[in-house]
């Protein structure tokens, strides 16, 4: 995942029933839907917790993806909210992913 401030590694899982999960590089859940042949949209909400384990806010991830074979590239925006639900910042994110067998 590429975003201002650096790159990171993540892992996603998409189910046949439309669930989208972030399982590494953060933890979150949401939904995906087809936008037509070779393209899809996914939204995932990722909780943010502080050092004590209390909710410090959440990240709303929205990505528009193009798939070719076993890979996809997506672009979108992550909106970061504080614990009171106020938008703290908006971050552009680009993802390059390759499918691996589980």
PDB file of N, CA and C in Angstrom:
ATOM      1  N   UNK A   1       0.848  -1.161   0.000  1.00  0.00           N
ATOM      2  CA  UNK A   1       0.000   0.000   0.000  1.00  0.00           C
ATOM      3  C   UNK A   1       0.893   1.223   0.000  1.00  0.00           C
ATOM      4  N   UNK A   2       0.619   2.139  -0.876  1.00  0.00           N
ATOM      5  CA  UNK A   2       1.389   3.374  -0.969  1.00  0.00           C
ATOM      6  C   UNK A   2       0.518   4.537  -0.530  1.00  0.00           C
ATOM      7  N   UNK A   3       1.079   5.352   0.333  1.00  0.00           N
ATOM      8  CA  UNK A   3       0.383   6.548   0.800  1.00  0.00           C
ATOM      9  C   UNK A   3       1.439   7.566   1.190  1.00  0.00           C
ATOM     10  N   UNK A   4       1.060   8.833   1.314  1.00  0.00           N
ATOM     11  CA  UNK A   4       2.042   9.823   1.751  1.00  0.00           C
ATOM     12  C   UNK A   4       2.651   9.383   3.085  1.00  0.00           C
ATOM     13  N   UNK A   5       3.936   9.479   3.184  1.00  0.00           N
ATOM     14  CA  UNK A   5       4.605   9.045   4.406  1.00  0.00           C
ATOM     15  C   UNK A   5       5.214   7.664   4.294  1.00  0.00           C
ATOM     16  N   UNK A   6       4.941   6.939   3.206  1.00  0.00           N
ATOM     17  CA  UNK A   6       5.597   5.657   3.030  1.00  0.00           C
ATOM     18  C   UNK A   6       4.685   4.536   2.589  1.00  0.00           C
ATOM     19  N   UNK A   7       5.325   3.410   2.329  1.00  0.00           N
ATOM     20  CA  UNK A   7       4.632   2.208   1.878  1.00  0.00           C
ATOM     21  C   UNK A   7       4.498   1.230   3.037  1.00  0.00           C
ATOM     22  N   UNK A   8       3.510   0.342   2.934  1.00  0.00           N
ATOM     23  CA  UNK A   8       3.342  -0.702   3.932  1.00  0.00           C
ATOM     24  C   UNK A   8       2.825  -1.955   3.241  1.00  0.00           C
ATOM     25  N   UNK A   9       2.891  -3.062   3.954  1.00  0.00           N
ATOM     26  CA  UNK A   9       2.422  -4.342   3.434  1.00  0.00           C
ATOM     27  C   UNK A   9       1.127  -4.700   4.139  1.00  0.00           C
ATOM     28  N   UNK A  10       0.166  -5.151   3.376  1.00  0.00           N
ATOM     29  CA  UNK A  10      -1.123  -5.559   3.933  1.00  0.00           C
ATOM     30  C   UNK A  10      -1.600  -6.830   3.275  1.00  0.00           C
ATOM     31  N   UNK A  11      -2.628  -7.411   3.831  1.00  0.00           N
ATOM     32  CA  UNK A  11      -3.229  -8.612   3.265  1.00  0.00           C
ATOM     33  C   UNK A  11      -4.750  -8.461   3.323  1.00  0.00           C
ATOM     34  N   UNK A  12      -5.391  -8.778   2.215  1.00  0.00           N
ATOM     35  CA  UNK A  12      -6.839  -8.664   2.099  1.00  0.00           C
ATOM     36  C   UNK A  12      -7.433 -10.025   1.783  1.00  0.00           C
ATOM     37  N   UNK A  13      -8.681 -10.204   2.171  1.00  0.00           N
ATOM     38  CA  UNK A  13      -9.439 -11.395   1.802  1.00  0.00           C
ATOM     39  C   UNK A  13     -10.810 -10.914   1.331  1.00  0.00           C
ATOM     40  N   UNK A  14     -11.202 -11.410   0.156  1.00  0.00           N
ATOM     41  CA  UNK A  14     -12.501 -11.072  -0.427  1.00  0.00           C
ATOM     42  C   UNK A  14     -13.297 -12.364  -0.558  1.00  0.00           C
ATOM     43  N   UNK A  15     -14.494 -12.415   0.015  1.00  0.00           N
ATOM     44  CA  UNK A  15     -15.294 -13.633  -0.042  1.00  0.00           C
ATOM     45  C   UNK A  15     -16.276 -13.577  -1.203  1.00  0.00           C
ATOM     46  N   UNK A  16     -16.763 -14.737  -1.577  1.00  0.00           N
ATOM     47  CA  UNK A  16     -17.741 -14.833  -2.664  1.00  0.00           C
ATOM     48  C   UNK A  16     -19.054 -14.137  -2.305  1.00  0.00           C
ATOM     49  N   UNK A  17     -19.312 -13.943  -1.024  1.00  0.00           N
ATOM     50  CA  UNK A  17     -20.557 -13.309  -0.591  1.00  0.00           C
ATOM     51  C   UNK A  17     -20.424 -11.802  -0.376  1.00  0.00           C
ATOM     52  N   UNK A  18     -19.300 -11.221  -0.813  1.00  0.00           N
ATOM     53  CA  UNK A  18     -19.170  -9.769  -0.791  1.00  0.00           C
ATOM     54  C   UNK A  18     -18.498  -9.176   0.428  1.00  0.00           C
ATOM     55  N   UNK A  19     -17.923 -10.008   1.275  1.00  0.00           N
ATOM     56  CA  UNK A  19     -17.197  -9.473   2.431  1.00  0.00           C
ATOM     57  C   UNK A  19     -15.765  -9.137   2.031  1.00  0.00           C
ATOM     58  N   UNK A  20     -15.249  -8.049   2.577  1.00  0.00           N
ATOM     59  CA  UNK A  20     -13.858  -7.628   2.359  1.00  0.00           C
ATOM     60  C   UNK A  20     -13.204  -7.507   3.727  1.00  0.00           C
ATOM     61  N   UNK A  21     -12.056  -8.145   3.878  1.00  0.00           N
ATOM     62  CA  UNK A  21     -11.361  -8.158   5.162  1.00  0.00           C
ATOM     63  C   UNK A  21      -9.918  -7.702   4.991  1.00  0.00           C
ATOM     64  N   UNK A  22      -9.467  -6.876   5.884  1.00  0.00           N
ATOM     65  CA  UNK A  22      -8.056  -6.516   5.994  1.00  0.00           C
ATOM     66  C   UNK A  22      -7.520  -7.378   7.122  1.00  0.00           C
ATOM     67  N   UNK A  23      -6.560  -8.267   6.817  1.00  0.00           N
ATOM     68  CA  UNK A  23      -6.117  -9.260   7.793  1.00  0.00           C
ATOM     69  C   UNK A  23      -4.665  -9.112   8.216  1.00  0.00           C
ATOM     70  N   UNK A  24      -3.917  -8.244   7.570  1.00  0.00           N
ATOM     71  CA  UNK A  24      -2.528  -7.966   7.955  1.00  0.00           C
ATOM     72  C   UNK A  24      -2.214  -6.536   7.544  1.00  0.00           C
ATOM     73  N   UNK A  25      -1.359  -5.870   8.307  1.00  0.00           N
ATOM     74  CA  UNK A  25      -1.098  -4.461   8.054  1.00  0.00           C
ATOM     75  C   UNK A  25      -2.199  -3.603   8.642  1.00  0.00           C
ATOM     76  N   UNK A  26      -2.972  -4.205   9.523  1.00  0.00           N
ATOM     77  CA  UNK A  26      -4.149  -3.615  10.136  1.00  0.00           C
ATOM     78  C   UNK A  26      -5.228  -4.678  10.161  1.00  0.00           C
ATOM     79  N   UNK A  27      -6.317  -4.396  10.816  1.00  0.00           N
ATOM     80  CA  UNK A  27      -7.437  -5.329  10.876  1.00  0.00           C
ATOM     81  C   UNK A  27      -8.712  -4.538  10.640  1.00  0.00           C
ATOM     82  N   UNK A  28      -9.522  -5.006   9.703  1.00  0.00           N
ATOM     83  CA  UNK A  28     -10.766  -4.312   9.435  1.00  0.00           C
ATOM     84  C   UNK A  28     -11.693  -5.171   8.608  1.00  0.00           C
ATOM     85  N   UNK A  29     -12.926  -4.724   8.477  1.00  0.00           N
ATOM     86  CA  UNK A  29     -13.926  -5.484   7.731  1.00  0.00           C
ATOM     87  C   UNK A  29     -14.849  -4.532   6.987  1.00  0.00           C
ATOM     88  N   UNK A  30     -15.408  -5.037   5.897  1.00  0.00           N
ATOM     89  CA  UNK A  30     -16.342  -4.256   5.105  1.00  0.00           C
ATOM     90  C   UNK A  30     -16.933  -5.095   4.004  1.00  0.00           C
ATOM     91  N   UNK A  31     -17.198  -4.469   2.869  1.00  0.00           N
ATOM     92  CA  UNK A  31     -17.860  -5.126   1.744  1.00  0.00           C
ATOM     93  C   UNK A  31     -17.164  -4.765   0.437  1.00  0.00           C
ATOM     94  N   UNK A  32     -17.332  -5.626  -0.547  1.00  0.00           N
ATOM     95  CA  UNK A  32     -16.879  -5.329  -1.898  1.00  0.00           C
ATOM     96  C   UNK A  32     -18.042  -5.575  -2.849  1.00  0.00           C
ATOM     97  N   UNK A  33     -18.001  -4.923  -4.021  1.00  0.00           N
ATOM     98  CA  UNK A  33     -19.014  -5.147  -5.048  1.00  0.00           C
ATOM     99  C   UNK A  33     -18.382  -4.963  -6.425  1.00  0.00           C
ATOM    100  N   UNK A  34     -18.915  -5.696  -7.374  1.00  0.00           N
ATOM    101  CA  UNK A  34     -18.431  -5.636  -8.747  1.00  0.00           C
ATOM    102  C   UNK A  34     -18.878  -4.330  -9.396  1.00  0.00           C
ATOM    103  N   UNK A  35     -17.990  -3.764 -10.196  1.00  0.00           N
ATOM    104  CA  UNK A  35     -18.320  -2.584 -10.995  1.00  0.00           C
ATOM    105  C   UNK A  35     -18.359  -2.928 -12.475  1.00  0.00           C
ATOM    106  N   UNK A  36     -18.313  -4.232 -12.757  1.00  0.00           N
ATOM    107  CA  UNK A  36     -18.282  -4.700 -14.139  1.00  0.00           C
ATOM    108  C   UNK A  36     -17.069  -5.577 -14.337  1.00  0.00           C
ATOM    109  N   UNK A  37     -16.892  -6.082 -15.551  1.00  0.00           N
ATOM    110  CA  UNK A  37     -15.765  -6.976 -15.813  1.00  0.00           C
ATOM    111  C   UNK A  37     -14.424  -6.337 -15.438  1.00  0.00           C
ATOM    112  N   UNK A  38     -13.674  -7.009 -14.570  1.00  0.00           N
ATOM    113  CA  UNK A  38     -12.334  -6.571 -14.227  1.00  0.00           C
ATOM    114  C   UNK A  38     -12.239  -5.401 -13.272  1.00  0.00           C
ATOM    115  N   UNK A  39     -13.348  -4.968 -12.688  1.00  0.00           N
ATOM    116  CA  UNK A  39     -13.257  -3.851 -11.749  1.00  0.00           C
ATOM    117  C   UNK A  39     -14.207  -4.065 -10.572  1.00  0.00           C
ATOM    118  N   UNK A  40     -13.791  -3.559  -9.423  1.00  0.00           N
ATOM    119  CA  UNK A  40     -14.621  -3.680  -8.227  1.00  0.00           C
ATOM    120  C   UNK A  40     -14.308  -2.548  -7.260  1.00  0.00           C
ATOM    121  N   UNK A  41     -15.218  -2.352  -6.335  1.00  0.00           N
ATOM    122  CA  UNK A  41     -15.109  -1.339  -5.288  1.00  0.00           C
ATOM    123  C   UNK A  41     -15.079  -2.069  -3.957  1.00  0.00           C
ATOM    124  N   UNK A  42     -14.207  -1.639  -3.046  1.00  0.00           N
ATOM    125  CA  UNK A  42     -14.298  -2.178  -1.699  1.00  0.00           C
ATOM    126  C   UNK A  42     -14.151  -1.081  -0.667  1.00  0.00           C
ATOM    127  N   UNK A  43     -14.877  -1.276   0.441  1.00  0.00           N
ATOM    128  CA  UNK A  43     -14.839  -0.363   1.581  1.00  0.00           C
ATOM    129  C   UNK A  43     -14.602  -1.193   2.826  1.00  0.00           C
ATOM    130  N   UNK A  44     -13.657  -0.762   3.619  1.00  0.00           N
ATOM    131  CA  UNK A  44     -13.301  -1.450   4.858  1.00  0.00           C
ATOM    132  C   UNK A  44     -13.189  -0.413   5.961  1.00  0.00           C
ATOM    133  N   UNK A  45     -13.719  -0.732   7.130  1.00  0.00           N
ATOM    134  CA  UNK A  45     -13.547   0.103   8.309  1.00  0.00           C
ATOM    135  C   UNK A  45     -12.514  -0.561   9.205  1.00  0.00           C
ATOM    136  N   UNK A  46     -11.500   0.211   9.558  1.00  0.00           N
ATOM    137  CA  UNK A  46     -10.392  -0.282  10.377  1.00  0.00           C
ATOM    138  C   UNK A  46     -10.375   0.489  11.697  1.00  0.00           C
ATOM    139  N   UNK A  47     -10.567  -0.194  12.835  1.00  0.00           N
ATOM    140  CA  UNK A  47     -10.525   0.517  14.113  1.00  0.00           C
ATOM    141  C   UNK A  47      -9.109   0.969  14.449  1.00  0.00           C
ATOM    142  N   UNK A  48      -9.014   2.076  15.160  1.00  0.00           N
ATOM    143  CA  UNK A  48      -7.731   2.571  15.671  1.00  0.00           C
ATOM    144  C   UNK A  48      -7.828   2.537  17.195  1.00  0.00           C
ATOM    145  N   UNK A  49      -6.899   1.834  17.819  1.00  0.00           N
ATOM    146  CA  UNK A  49      -6.896   1.736  19.277  1.00  0.00           C
ATOM    147  C   UNK A  49      -5.628   2.373  19.834  1.00  0.00           C
ATOM    148  N   UNK A  50      -5.741   2.931  21.051  1.00  0.00           N
ATOM    149  CA  UNK A  50      -4.571   3.539  21.681  1.00  0.00           C
ATOM    150  C   UNK A  50      -3.777   2.478  22.454  1.00  0.00           C
ATOM    151  N   UNK A  51      -2.740   2.908  23.151  1.00  0.00           N
ATOM    152  CA  UNK A  51      -1.858   1.990  23.876  1.00  0.00           C
ATOM    153  C   UNK A  51      -2.579   1.194  24.959  1.00  0.00           C
ATOM    154  N   UNK A  52      -3.696   1.705  25.445  1.00  0.00           N
ATOM    155  CA  UNK A  52      -4.474   1.018  26.492  1.00  0.00           C
ATOM    156  C   UNK A  52      -5.551   0.113  25.906  1.00  0.00           C
ATOM    157  N   UNK A  53      -5.687   0.110  24.590  1.00  0.00           N
ATOM    158  CA  UNK A  53      -6.703  -0.705  23.939  1.00  0.00           C
ATOM    159  C   UNK A  53      -8.039  -0.015  23.767  1.00  0.00           C
ATOM    160  N   UNK A  54      -8.110   1.274  24.106  1.00  0.00           N
ATOM    161  CA  UNK A  54      -9.353   2.038  23.953  1.00  0.00           C
ATOM    162  C   UNK A  54      -9.479   2.550  22.513  1.00  0.00           C
ATOM    163  N   UNK A  55     -10.708   2.733  22.076  1.00  0.00           N
ATOM    164  CA  UNK A  55     -10.955   3.244  20.729  1.00  0.00           C
ATOM    165  C   UNK A  55     -10.450   4.681  20.609  1.00  0.00           C
ATOM    166  N   UNK A  56      -9.538   4.898  19.677  1.00  0.00           N
ATOM    167  CA  UNK A  56      -9.011   6.232  19.413  1.00  0.00           C
ATOM    168  C   UNK A  56      -9.598   6.808  18.124  1.00  0.00           C
ATOM    169  N   UNK A  57     -10.399   5.987  17.428  1.00  0.00           N
ATOM    170  CA  UNK A  57     -11.000   6.423  16.180  1.00  0.00           C
ATOM    171  C   UNK A  57     -11.101   5.264  15.213  1.00  0.00           C
ATOM    172  N   UNK A  58     -11.224   5.581  13.930  1.00  0.00           N
ATOM    173  CA  UNK A  58     -11.285   4.550  12.908  1.00  0.00           C
ATOM    174  C   UNK A  58     -10.876   5.139  11.569  1.00  0.00           C
ATOM    175  N   UNK A  59     -10.576   4.232  10.640  1.00  0.00           N
ATOM    176  CA  UNK A  59     -10.225   4.612   9.275  1.00  0.00           C
ATOM    177  C   UNK A  59     -11.258   3.998   8.343  1.00  0.00           C
ATOM    178  N   UNK A  60     -11.836   4.830   7.486  1.00  0.00           N
ATOM    179  CA  UNK A  60     -12.787   4.384   6.475  1.00  0.00           C
ATOM    180  C   UNK A  60     -12.025   4.312   5.151  1.00  0.00           C
ATOM    181  N   UNK A  61     -11.782   3.090   4.678  1.00  0.00           N
ATOM    182  CA  UNK A  61     -11.004   2.843   3.461  1.00  0.00           C
ATOM    183  C   UNK A  61     -11.973   2.639   2.303  1.00  0.00           C
ATOM    184  N   UNK A  62     -11.790   3.383   1.226  1.00  0.00           N
ATOM    185  CA  UNK A  62     -12.587   3.189   0.010  1.00  0.00           C
ATOM    186  C   UNK A  62     -11.634   3.098  -1.167  1.00  0.00           C
ATOM    187  N   UNK A  63     -11.736   2.008  -1.940  1.00  0.00           N
ATOM    188  CA  UNK A  63     -10.833   1.762  -3.052  1.00  0.00           C
ATOM    189  C   UNK A  63     -11.589   1.292  -4.283  1.00  0.00           C
ATOM    190  N   UNK A  64     -11.206   1.837  -5.447  1.00  0.00           N
ATOM    191  CA  UNK A  64     -11.723   1.398  -6.743  1.00  0.00           C
ATOM    192  C   UNK A  64     -10.604   0.584  -7.392  1.00  0.00           C
ATOM    193  N   UNK A  65     -10.879  -0.681  -7.706  1.00  0.00           N
ATOM    194  CA  UNK A  65      -9.837  -1.605  -8.154  1.00  0.00           C
ATOM    195  C   UNK A  65     -10.055  -2.075  -9.582  1.00  0.00           C
ATOM    196  N   UNK A  66      -8.930  -2.325 -10.249  1.00  0.00           N
ATOM    197  CA  UNK A  66      -8.913  -2.949 -11.568  1.00  0.00           C
ATOM    198  C   UNK A  66      -8.126  -4.242 -11.446  1.00  0.00           C
ATOM    199  N   UNK A  67      -8.737  -5.337 -11.884  1.00  0.00           N
ATOM    200  CA  UNK A  67      -8.102  -6.643 -11.758  1.00  0.00           C
ATOM    201  C   UNK A  67      -7.654  -7.144 -13.113  1.00  0.00           C
ATOM    202  N   UNK A  68      -6.443  -7.704 -13.142  1.00  0.00           N
ATOM    203  CA  UNK A  68      -5.924  -8.373 -14.331  1.00  0.00           C
ATOM    204  C   UNK A  68      -5.296  -9.672 -13.856  1.00  0.00           C
ATOM    205  N   UNK A  69      -5.902 -10.789 -14.252  1.00  0.00           N
ATOM    206  CA  UNK A  69      -5.394 -12.089 -13.826  1.00  0.00           C
ATOM    207  C   UNK A  69      -5.415 -12.219 -12.316  1.00  0.00           C
ATOM    208  N   UNK A  70      -4.259 -12.507 -11.742  1.00  0.00           N
ATOM    209  CA  UNK A  70      -4.141 -12.736 -10.307  1.00  0.00           C
ATOM    210  C   UNK A  70      -3.771 -11.476  -9.533  1.00  0.00           C
ATOM    211  N   UNK A  71      -3.781 -10.322 -10.186  1.00  0.00           N
ATOM    212  CA  UNK A  71      -3.358  -9.078  -9.535  1.00  0.00           C
ATOM    213  C   UNK A  71      -4.434  -8.006  -9.653  1.00  0.00           C
ATOM    214  N   UNK A  72      -4.389  -7.065  -8.728  1.00  0.00           N
ATOM    215  CA  UNK A  72      -5.227  -5.883  -8.878  1.00  0.00           C
ATOM    216  C   UNK A  72      -4.468  -4.659  -8.404  1.00  0.00           C
ATOM    217  N   UNK A  73      -4.854  -3.535  -8.977  1.00  0.00           N
ATOM    218  CA  UNK A  73      -4.366  -2.229  -8.564  1.00  0.00           C
ATOM    219  C   UNK A  73      -5.595  -1.415  -8.195  1.00  0.00           C
ATOM    220  N   UNK A  74      -5.502  -0.720  -7.073  1.00  0.00           N
ATOM    221  CA  UNK A  74      -6.636   0.115  -6.678  1.00  0.00           C
ATOM    222  C   UNK A  74      -6.145   1.472  -6.204  1.00  0.00           C
ATOM    223  N   UNK A  75      -7.028   2.437  -6.309  1.00  0.00           N
ATOM    224  CA  UNK A  75      -6.763   3.794  -5.853  1.00  0.00           C
ATOM    225  C   UNK A  75      -7.981   4.272  -5.097  1.00  0.00           C
ATOM    226  N   UNK A  76      -7.725   5.064  -4.088  1.00  0.00           N
ATOM    227  CA  UNK A  76      -8.848   5.589  -3.336  1.00  0.00           C
ATOM    228  C   UNK A  76      -8.390   6.481  -2.211  1.00  0.00           C
ATOM    229  N   UNK A  77      -9.291   6.667  -1.278  1.00  0.00           N
ATOM    230  CA  UNK A  77      -9.064   7.584  -0.169  1.00  0.00           C
ATOM    231  C   UNK A  77      -9.366   6.883   1.138  1.00  0.00           C
ATOM    232  N   UNK A  78      -8.505   7.104   2.108  1.00  0.00           N
ATOM    233  CA  UNK A  78      -8.776   6.659   3.476  1.00  0.00           C
ATOM    234  C   UNK A  78      -9.096   7.896   4.293  1.00  0.00           C
ATOM    235  N   UNK A  79     -10.227   7.844   4.979  1.00  0.00           N
ATOM    236  CA  UNK A  79     -10.640   8.956   5.837  1.00  0.00           C
ATOM    237  C   UNK A  79     -10.430   8.529   7.287  1.00  0.00           C
ATOM    238  N   UNK A  80      -9.655   9.315   8.003  1.00  0.00           N
ATOM    239  CA  UNK A  80      -9.304   9.003   9.387  1.00  0.00           C
ATOM    240  C   UNK A  80     -10.171   9.848  10.317  1.00  0.00           C
ATOM    241  N   UNK A  81     -10.885   9.165  11.214  1.00  0.00           N
ATOM    242  CA  UNK A  81     -11.779   9.825  12.164  1.00  0.00           C
ATOM    243  C   UNK A  81     -11.247   9.650  13.578  1.00  0.00           C
ATOM    244  N   UNK A  82     -11.473  10.659  14.423  1.00  0.00           N
ATOM    245  CA  UNK A  82     -11.100  10.525  15.831  1.00  0.00           C
ATOM    246  C   UNK A  82     -12.216   9.807  16.586  1.00  0.00           C
ATOM    247  N   UNK A  83     -12.016   9.573  17.865  1.00  0.00           N
ATOM    248  CA  UNK A  83     -12.980   8.812  18.667  1.00  0.00           C
ATOM    249  C   UNK A  83     -14.345   9.481  18.748  1.00  0.00           C
ATOM    250  N   UNK A  84     -14.398  10.798  18.568  1.00  0.00           N
ATOM    251  CA  UNK A  84     -15.670  11.526  18.605  1.00  0.00           C
ATOM    252  C   UNK A  84     -16.370  11.543  17.239  1.00  0.00           C
ATOM    253  N   UNK A  85     -15.745  10.912  16.231  1.00  0.00           N
ATOM    254  CA  UNK A  85     -16.348  10.866  14.906  1.00  0.00           C
ATOM    255  C   UNK A  85     -16.025  12.043  14.018  1.00  0.00           C
ATOM    256  N   UNK A  86     -15.050  12.874  14.430  1.00  0.00           N
ATOM    257  CA  UNK A  86     -14.651  14.029  13.610  1.00  0.00           C
ATOM    258  C   UNK A  86     -13.593  13.589  12.594  1.00  0.00           C
ATOM    259  N   UNK A  87     -13.757  14.036  11.366  1.00  0.00           N
ATOM    260  CA  UNK A  87     -12.773  13.746  10.332  1.00  0.00           C
ATOM    261  C   UNK A  87     -11.469  14.442  10.684  1.00  0.00           C
ATOM    262  N   UNK A  88     -10.402  13.661  10.868  1.00  0.00           N
ATOM    263  CA  UNK A  88      -9.100  14.205  11.241  1.00  0.00           C
ATOM    264  C   UNK A  88      -8.238  14.492  10.016  1.00  0.00           C
ATOM    265  N   UNK A  89      -8.295  13.603   9.030  1.00  0.00           N
ATOM    266  CA  UNK A  89      -7.523  13.804   7.800  1.00  0.00           C
ATOM    267  C   UNK A  89      -7.997  12.837   6.727  1.00  0.00           C
ATOM    268  N   UNK A  90      -7.644  13.160   5.497  1.00  0.00           N
ATOM    269  CA  UNK A  90      -7.940  12.335   4.338  1.00  0.00           C
ATOM    270  C   UNK A  90      -6.617  12.004   3.672  1.00  0.00           C
ATOM    271  N   UNK A  91      -6.435  10.717   3.348  1.00  0.00           N
ATOM    272  CA  UNK A  91      -5.159  10.252   2.826  1.00  0.00           C
ATOM    273  C   UNK A  91      -5.387   9.489   1.515  1.00  0.00           C
ATOM    274  N   UNK A  92      -4.720   9.888   0.420  1.00  0.00           N
ATOM    275  CA  UNK A  92      -4.816   9.096  -0.810  1.00  0.00           C
ATOM    276  C   UNK A  92      -4.000   7.809  -0.647  1.00  0.00           C
ATOM    277  N   UNK A  93      -4.562   6.695  -1.115  1.00  0.00           N
ATOM    278  CA  UNK A  93      -3.888   5.396  -0.984  1.00  0.00           C
ATOM    279  C   UNK A  93      -3.978   4.654  -2.306  1.00  0.00           C
ATOM    280  N   UNK A  94      -2.877   4.017  -2.686  1.00  0.00           N
ATOM    281  CA  UNK A  94      -2.824   3.167  -3.867  1.00  0.00           C
ATOM    282  C   UNK A  94      -2.346   1.794  -3.431  1.00  0.00           C
ATOM    283  N   UNK A  95      -3.008   0.757  -3.945  1.00  0.00           N
ATOM    284  CA  UNK A  95      -2.675  -0.613  -3.569  1.00  0.00           C
ATOM    285  C   UNK A  95      -2.324  -1.410  -4.820  1.00  0.00           C
ATOM    286  N   UNK A  96      -1.245  -2.171  -4.719  1.00  0.00           N
ATOM    287  CA  UNK A  96      -0.853  -3.145  -5.759  1.00  0.00           C
ATOM    288  C   UNK A  96      -0.839  -4.500  -5.061  1.00  0.00           C
ATOM    289  N   UNK A  97      -1.681  -5.410  -5.503  1.00  0.00           N
ATOM    290  CA  UNK A  97      -1.808  -6.696  -4.816  1.00  0.00           C
ATOM    291  C   UNK A  97      -1.747  -7.855  -5.797  1.00  0.00           C
ATOM    292  N   UNK A  98      -1.232  -8.973  -5.304  1.00  0.00           N
ATOM    293  CA  UNK A  98      -1.175 -10.213  -6.068  1.00  0.00           C
ATOM    294  C   UNK A  98      -1.821 -11.314  -5.243  1.00  0.00           C
ATOM    295  N   UNK A  99      -2.683 -12.073  -5.867  1.00  0.00           N
ATOM    296  CA  UNK A  99      -3.391 -13.147  -5.171  1.00  0.00           C
ATOM    297  C   UNK A  99      -2.423 -14.290  -4.835  1.00  0.00           C
ATOM    298  N   UNK A 100      -2.544 -14.767  -3.605  1.00  0.00           N
ATOM    299  CA  UNK A 100      -1.801 -15.950  -3.178  1.00  0.00           C
ATOM    300  C   UNK A 100      -2.812 -16.979  -2.698  1.00  0.00           C
ATOM    301  N   UNK A 101      -2.502 -18.228  -2.848  1.00  0.00           N
ATOM    302  CA  UNK A 101      -3.407 -19.290  -2.410  1.00  0.00           C
ATOM    303  C   UNK A 101      -3.334 -19.409  -0.895  1.00  0.00           C
ATOM    304  N   UNK A 102      -4.490 -19.685  -0.272  1.00  0.00           N
ATOM    305  CA  UNK A 102      -4.507 -19.846   1.178  1.00  0.00           C
ATOM    306  C   UNK A 102      -4.654 -21.300   1.567  1.00  0.00           C
TER     307      UNK A 102
END
